[in-house]
Amino acid sequence: MFSGGTYQEVARWLWNFLTSHAKRVDPRIEVVLDADDEREGKSYGARLSFRRQLGSPIEFEFHDVADHRGGLAWCSALAERTKSLARELVAGRGVTDVRTT
C-alpha cells in the first residue's frame, strides 16, 4: 500500500475513502471535506451529509492520515467508524439540520 503524499493528494484520498464507506450504508450520503487555507498542511475536517442533515464533525491531522493511509488496521478502523457514523446519521441521531428558510 501507499502512505505519504501532498496535502491535496491525501485530501482526495480521504474524501474518496470516507465516501466509499459511507455510501455502503446509504448511497445518498455525501462527504463534506474541509481543507481550506487555514487547515492547509495541518488538518482536515469532515462531515457526512444525508438529506440536508450534517453529522458530527470528524477531525483528522494531515500527517496522521498521510502516514497511516497505507495501513490495513488503521484503514479498517476508519472504515468501521465511518459506517457507524453513517448509520447514526441515517437513523437521525446526532445530526444538525442545515435547512435554510
Protein backbone atom coordinates (compact mmCIF):
# COMPACT_ATOMS: atom_id res chain seq x y z
CA MET A 1 0.00 0.00 0.00
CA PHE A 2 0.99 3.65 -0.03
CA SER A 3 1.46 6.37 2.52
CA GLY A 4 2.62 9.96 2.47
CA GLY A 5 1.72 12.38 -0.30
CA THR A 6 0.96 16.04 -0.67
CA TYR A 7 -1.79 17.74 1.28
CA GLN A 8 -4.06 17.75 -1.79
CA GLU A 9 -3.35 14.10 -2.66
CA VAL A 10 -4.12 12.99 0.88
CA ALA A 11 -7.29 15.13 0.94
CA ARG A 12 -8.51 13.48 -2.28
CA TRP A 13 -7.71 10.01 -0.88
CA LEU A 14 -9.51 10.79 2.42
CA TRP A 15 -12.61 12.10 0.65
CA ASN A 16 -12.74 9.03 -1.62
CA PHE A 17 -12.19 6.65 1.30
CA LEU A 18 -14.87 8.23 3.51
CA THR A 19 -17.31 8.46 0.60
CA SER A 20 -16.89 4.85 -0.45
CA HIS A 21 -17.53 3.53 3.06
CA ALA A 22 -20.39 5.93 3.90
CA LYS A 23 -22.20 5.05 0.67
CA ARG A 24 -22.13 1.38 1.65
CA VAL A 25 -24.65 2.34 4.33
CA ASP A 26 -26.77 4.54 2.05
CA PRO A 27 -25.85 5.73 -1.45
CA ARG A 28 -27.43 9.13 -0.76
CA ILE A 29 -24.82 10.04 1.86
CA GLU A 30 -22.26 12.63 0.82
CA VAL A 31 -18.99 13.67 2.42
CA VAL A 32 -18.16 17.31 3.04
CA LEU A 33 -14.40 17.73 3.46
CA ASP A 34 -12.99 20.92 4.92
CA ALA A 35 -9.46 21.51 3.68
CA ASP A 36 -9.44 25.30 3.42
CA ASP A 37 -6.45 27.61 3.59
CA GLU A 38 -6.43 27.72 7.41
CA ARG A 39 -6.02 23.94 7.53
CA GLU A 40 -3.56 23.55 4.64
CA GLY A 41 -0.75 21.21 5.58
CA LYS A 42 -2.13 20.67 9.09
CA SER A 43 -5.56 19.06 9.25
CA TYR A 44 -8.88 18.16 7.65
CA GLY A 45 -12.42 18.35 8.89
CA ALA A 46 -15.08 16.03 7.54
CA ARG A 47 -18.81 15.63 7.96
CA LEU A 48 -21.26 13.20 6.50
CA SER A 49 -24.37 14.70 4.94
CA PHE A 50 -27.73 12.98 4.45
CA ARG A 51 -30.94 14.66 3.32
CA ARG A 52 -29.87 18.15 4.46
CA GLN A 53 -28.64 16.79 7.76
CA LEU A 54 -24.99 17.06 8.78
CA GLY A 55 -23.35 14.57 11.05
CA SER A 56 -20.92 15.48 13.79
CA PRO A 57 -17.56 16.85 12.64
CA ILE A 58 -14.63 14.47 12.37
CA GLU A 59 -11.13 15.91 12.73
CA PHE A 60 -8.02 14.45 11.08
CA GLU A 61 -4.41 15.51 11.36
CA PHE A 62 -2.78 15.66 7.93
CA HIS A 63 0.34 13.74 8.96
CA ASP A 64 -1.71 11.06 10.72
CA VAL A 65 -3.74 10.36 7.57
CA ALA A 66 -0.69 10.58 5.30
CA ASP A 67 1.33 8.21 7.50
CA HIS A 68 -1.43 5.64 8.05
CA ARG A 69 -3.44 5.54 4.84
CA GLY A 70 -1.35 2.58 3.74
CA GLY A 71 -2.01 0.60 6.92
CA LEU A 72 -4.64 -2.11 6.89
CA ALA A 73 -5.50 -1.85 10.60
CA TRP A 74 -5.83 1.94 10.53
CA CYS A 75 -7.93 1.89 7.35
CA SER A 76 -10.13 -0.88 8.70
CA ALA A 77 -10.81 1.07 11.90
CA LEU A 78 -11.59 4.24 9.92
CA ALA A 79 -13.93 2.31 7.62
CA GLU A 80 -15.87 0.93 10.60
CA ARG A 81 -16.01 4.36 12.24
CA THR A 82 -17.30 5.91 9.01
CA LYS A 83 -20.00 3.27 8.55
CA SER A 84 -21.08 3.65 12.18
CA LEU A 85 -21.39 7.43 11.80
CA ALA A 86 -23.31 6.92 8.56
CA ARG A 87 -25.76 4.55 10.25
CA GLU A 88 -26.32 7.09 13.04
CA LEU A 89 -26.90 9.85 10.51
CA VAL A 90 -29.42 7.82 8.52
CA ALA A 91 -31.21 6.94 11.77
CA GLY A 92 -31.40 10.67 12.59
CA ARG A 93 -29.26 10.60 15.73
CA GLY A 94 -26.66 13.27 16.44
CA VAL A 95 -27.28 15.47 13.43
CA THR A 96 -27.53 19.16 12.71
CA ASP A 97 -30.29 20.48 10.46
CA VAL A 98 -28.81 22.64 7.68
CA ARG A 99 -32.08 23.65 6.02
CA THR A 100 -32.45 27.29 5.18
CA THR A 101 -35.73 29.16 5.23
